[in-house]
Every structure is written in structure tokens, then in C-alpha cells.
């Protein structure tokens, strides 16, 4: 299998953490923006990363679908519960994490535009409020549990860890830890897992 991505993409990191947790071998192919038309577009008509080329030649995209595919390839460890209600609960955590990552991407990419094309201060505040609300819900739902959902590590923890890791790197001035102490403690614990340590997002 080949995973096409870049070191700076939080969504690619999400998939790579899942690969590591499932202990599934794969080839990681760097696909920077200038090479995506040649490397990615023939596999994924959207030309976006992450894109996975499976062993059977099928192309799979995006991160949500790739992680679900990987979880189905190998029975253990299970990242997404099979039972319906539990599955939806874990997928809600994923939606929160992806939303935090998306808002962070918007906030970190907008300043790169020409000044006349940048968004308004109100838009910036709107994105920051999205992140703050999501983290508040994560803090509440985590409570004193060892994991984000249930009694074992799951996609809920991956989604929480990768998104907040990207937030801390991309927006180091975003103060969230003091208001969410249990979540902060959980993030520190997740960062000690080998799957997280080996997939840190680069600044490029």
C-alpha cells in the first residue's frame, strides 16, 4: 500500500497514526502541491491528500474513509466499535477533531494570502470560537476517563490527539490548557505513544 501525503498535513498524520496503531505496513509517498497533478490526481479526482493506493489497486480517500478502511483490514486493535451507538459516539469525536483541524488550517493559511484578500477580524474570531467550543465539549465528554470513549484507545483518541497537536503547533498563542485541564493531561499522555511520537507534523 502507498499513502500519498505531506509532512505538514494534519489529516495525513491522522491516517499515519492509525497505520501505526494497527501495525499495518505501507509506503509513504511525499506529494507536495506542485506534484499532486502527476502523483495524486490520477488516483483521486479531487487531487487531495491523504490518498491511499490499496494493495488491490483501489484508490481510497479521504482521511475519514482511509481510517475506516484500515480498521476493517485487520481485526485488532479495533479503532472504531462495531456496535452502532458506540460507533456513532466515536465518529462524533472524529467530527470534533476534524473540525478543530479544519479551523486551525483556515487560521494558519489565511495570513499567507495577499493582505487585500485576507479575512476580517470577525472571521478570525469565529474560527477561534469554533475551536474553543469543540475543546470545551471534549473536556466535558472526556471527564475522568482514561480514554476519550470507552475502556480502550480508539479513533476518538486519534482524532483528539492529532487535531490538538496541530492546533498547538499552528497556533501556539491559542491558550486552551488552563480551561481544559483533563483534556490537556490526556493530550500529554497521547503524545507519549509511539504512534504519535513517530508522526509529528513538520512545519513545512
Protein backbone atom coordinates (compact mmCIF):
# COMPACT_ATOMS: atom_id res chain seq x y z
CA UNK A 1 0.00 0.00 0.00
CA UNK A 2 1.06 3.55 -0.70
CA UNK A 3 -0.07 6.60 1.25
CA UNK A 4 0.32 9.92 -0.56
CA UNK A 5 0.70 12.96 1.66
CA UNK A 6 2.94 15.65 3.07
CA UNK A 7 4.59 16.16 6.43
CA UNK A 8 2.63 19.34 7.08
CA UNK A 9 -0.86 17.88 6.72
CA UNK A 10 -2.75 17.11 9.95
CA UNK A 11 -5.11 14.77 8.07
CA UNK A 12 -2.19 12.74 6.76
CA UNK A 13 -0.91 12.47 10.31
CA UNK A 14 -4.30 11.18 11.42
CA UNK A 15 -4.03 8.34 8.90
CA UNK A 16 -0.40 7.62 9.77
CA UNK A 17 -1.29 7.30 13.46
CA UNK A 18 -3.97 4.78 12.50
CA UNK A 19 -1.45 2.85 10.41
CA UNK A 20 0.94 2.75 13.36
CA UNK A 21 -1.70 1.67 15.86
CA UNK A 22 -2.90 -1.10 13.53
CA UNK A 23 0.71 -2.09 12.79
CA UNK A 24 -0.02 -2.24 9.06
CA UNK A 25 2.99 -1.75 6.75
CA UNK A 26 2.80 0.84 3.99
CA UNK A 27 4.92 3.08 1.80
CA UNK A 28 4.73 6.80 2.49
CA UNK A 29 4.99 8.87 -0.71
CA UNK A 30 5.54 12.60 -0.35
CA UNK A 31 3.19 14.52 -2.63
CA UNK A 32 3.80 18.27 -2.30
CA UNK A 33 1.32 20.63 -4.00
CA UNK A 34 3.39 21.06 -7.15
CA UNK A 35 3.44 17.28 -7.72
CA UNK A 36 -0.17 16.40 -6.94
CA UNK A 37 -1.41 16.72 -10.51
CA UNK A 38 1.02 13.98 -11.50
CA UNK A 39 1.02 11.82 -8.36
CA UNK A 40 -2.43 12.14 -6.81
CA UNK A 41 -4.94 13.32 -9.41
CA UNK A 42 -4.75 10.06 -11.44
CA UNK A 43 -5.85 8.22 -8.27
CA UNK A 44 -8.09 10.81 -6.63
CA UNK A 45 -10.03 13.12 -8.96
CA UNK A 46 -10.07 15.75 -6.22
CA UNK A 47 -6.27 15.79 -6.23
CA UNK A 48 -6.22 15.95 -2.44
CA UNK A 49 -4.20 14.28 0.28
CA UNK A 50 -4.27 11.91 2.01
CA UNK A 51 -4.92 9.41 -0.74
CA UNK A 52 -4.26 5.70 -0.26
CA UNK A 53 -3.42 3.29 -3.05
CA UNK A 54 -4.50 -0.07 -1.66
CA UNK A 55 -2.80 -3.38 -2.37
CA UNK A 56 -5.58 -4.34 -4.79
CA UNK A 57 -5.03 -1.16 -6.83
CA UNK A 58 -8.07 0.66 -5.45
CA UNK A 59 -7.63 4.31 -4.51
CA UNK A 60 -9.18 5.37 -1.20
CA UNK A 61 -9.78 8.92 0.04
CA UNK A 62 -10.10 10.99 2.27
CA UNK A 63 -8.84 10.55 5.87
CA UNK A 64 -12.23 9.51 7.27
CA UNK A 65 -12.63 6.74 4.70
CA UNK A 66 -8.99 5.66 4.83
CA UNK A 67 -9.04 5.16 8.61
CA UNK A 68 -12.25 3.16 8.36
CA UNK A 69 -10.69 1.05 5.60
CA UNK A 70 -7.60 0.35 7.69
CA UNK A 71 -9.73 -0.63 10.67
CA UNK A 72 -11.54 -3.15 8.52
CA UNK A 73 -8.35 -4.66 7.12
CA UNK A 74 -7.20 -6.00 10.46
CA UNK A 75 -9.38 -7.08 13.34
CA UNK A 76 -7.23 -5.87 16.23
CA UNK A 77 -6.72 -3.43 17.73
CA UNK A 78 -10.19 -2.12 16.90
CA UNK A 79 -10.28 1.65 16.43
CA UNK A 80 -13.97 2.00 15.55
CA UNK A 81 -16.54 -0.03 17.52
CA UNK A 82 -18.83 -2.36 15.61
CA UNK A 83 -21.88 -1.68 17.78
CA UNK A 84 -23.98 1.10 16.24
CA UNK A 85 -24.37 3.51 19.16
CA UNK A 86 -20.72 3.19 20.17
CA UNK A 87 -19.61 3.63 16.57
CA UNK A 88 -21.56 6.87 16.24
CA UNK A 89 -20.13 8.12 19.53
CA UNK A 90 -16.57 7.56 18.32
CA UNK A 91 -17.34 9.11 14.94
CA UNK A 92 -18.66 12.20 16.73
CA UNK A 93 -15.27 12.56 18.38
CA UNK A 94 -13.73 12.28 14.93
CA UNK A 95 -16.00 15.05 13.65
CA UNK A 96 -14.94 17.30 16.53
CA UNK A 97 -11.26 16.63 15.90
CA UNK A 98 -11.56 17.17 12.16
CA UNK A 99 -13.42 20.41 12.82
CA UNK A 100 -10.67 21.69 15.11
CA UNK A 101 -8.07 20.79 12.49
CA UNK A 102 -10.07 22.45 9.72
CA UNK A 103 -10.47 25.71 11.64
CA UNK A 104 -6.77 25.67 12.51
CA UNK A 105 -5.85 25.17 8.85
CA UNK A 106 -8.01 28.15 7.90
CA UNK A 107 -6.46 30.36 10.58
CA UNK A 108 -2.90 29.42 9.70
CA UNK A 109 -3.32 29.66 5.93
CA UNK A 110 -5.20 32.94 5.66
CA UNK A 111 -2.22 35.14 6.69
CA UNK A 112 -0.30 33.74 3.72
CA UNK A 113 -2.69 35.48 1.32
CA UNK A 114 -2.13 38.96 -0.06
CA UNK A 115 -3.31 41.46 2.54
CA UNK A 116 -6.25 42.63 0.42
CA UNK A 117 -7.59 39.08 0.21
CA UNK A 118 -7.39 38.21 3.90
CA UNK A 119 -10.46 37.59 6.01
CA UNK A 120 -11.84 40.04 8.56
CA UNK A 121 -11.08 40.04 12.32
CA UNK A 122 -14.65 38.84 12.89
CA UNK A 123 -13.97 35.81 10.68
CA UNK A 124 -10.83 35.03 12.67
CA UNK A 125 -12.76 35.23 15.91
CA UNK A 126 -15.47 32.96 14.51
CA UNK A 127 -12.90 30.24 13.74
CA UNK A 128 -11.31 30.58 17.17
CA UNK A 129 -14.72 30.25 18.82
CA UNK A 130 -15.37 27.03 16.87
CA UNK A 131 -12.17 25.58 18.27
CA UNK A 132 -12.90 26.76 21.79
CA UNK A 133 -16.39 25.25 21.80
CA UNK A 134 -15.11 21.94 20.43
CA UNK A 135 -12.42 21.72 23.12
CA UNK A 136 -14.98 22.51 25.82
CA UNK A 137 -17.14 19.59 24.66
CA UNK A 138 -14.09 17.31 24.51
CA UNK A 139 -13.18 18.28 28.08
CA UNK A 140 -16.72 17.58 29.29
CA UNK A 141 -17.08 14.25 27.50
CA UNK A 142 -13.63 13.02 28.49
CA UNK A 143 -14.28 13.66 32.16
CA UNK A 144 -12.09 11.42 34.31
CA UNK A 145 -11.98 8.57 31.79
CA UNK A 146 -8.71 7.01 30.76
CA UNK A 147 -9.68 7.26 27.09
CA UNK A 148 -11.94 9.56 25.11
CA UNK A 149 -14.55 6.84 24.66
CA UNK A 150 -14.97 3.51 26.34
CA UNK A 151 -12.28 1.49 28.06
CA UNK A 152 -9.63 1.42 25.34
CA UNK A 153 -7.77 3.57 22.83
CA UNK A 154 -9.82 4.31 19.73
CA UNK A 155 -10.27 6.64 16.78
CA UNK A 156 -11.73 9.10 19.28
CA UNK A 157 -8.27 9.45 20.85
CA UNK A 158 -6.58 9.70 17.45
CA UNK A 159 -8.93 12.48 16.38
CA UNK A 160 -8.46 14.37 19.62
CA UNK A 161 -4.70 13.98 19.71
CA UNK A 162 -3.88 14.80 16.11
CA UNK A 163 -6.13 17.86 15.97
CA UNK A 164 -4.95 19.43 19.21
CA UNK A 165 -1.36 18.63 18.30
CA UNK A 166 -1.84 20.59 15.09
CA UNK A 167 -3.54 23.41 16.99
CA UNK A 168 -0.64 23.73 19.41
CA UNK A 169 1.87 23.80 16.61
CA UNK A 170 -0.03 26.07 14.24
CA UNK A 171 -1.46 28.48 16.81
CA UNK A 172 0.94 28.43 19.78
CA UNK A 173 -0.71 31.55 21.21
CA UNK A 174 -4.09 29.81 21.48
CA UNK A 175 -4.50 29.32 25.23
CA UNK A 176 -6.72 26.32 25.89
CA UNK A 177 -4.97 24.21 28.51
CA UNK A 178 -5.97 26.11 31.67
CA UNK A 179 -9.67 25.90 30.80
CA UNK A 180 -9.44 22.20 29.87
CA UNK A 181 -7.07 20.56 32.37
CA UNK A 182 -8.26 16.96 31.94
CA UNK A 183 -8.03 17.25 28.17
CA UNK A 184 -4.54 18.75 28.46
CA UNK A 185 -3.44 15.84 30.64
CA UNK A 186 -4.86 13.37 28.13
CA UNK A 187 -3.04 15.05 25.25
CA UNK A 188 0.24 14.83 27.13
CA UNK A 189 -0.38 11.12 27.64
CA UNK A 190 -1.24 10.54 23.99
CA UNK A 191 1.92 12.33 22.92
CA UNK A 192 3.93 9.62 24.67
CA UNK A 193 2.50 6.87 22.46
CA UNK A 194 4.88 5.71 19.76
CA UNK A 195 2.25 6.29 17.06
CA UNK A 196 2.14 9.97 17.98
CA UNK A 197 5.86 10.44 18.53
CA UNK A 198 6.73 8.94 15.14
CA UNK A 199 4.25 11.06 13.16
CA UNK A 200 4.79 14.61 14.39
CA UNK A 201 3.69 17.12 11.76
CA UNK A 202 6.56 19.06 10.22
CA UNK A 203 6.40 22.83 9.89
CA UNK A 204 6.95 22.74 6.17
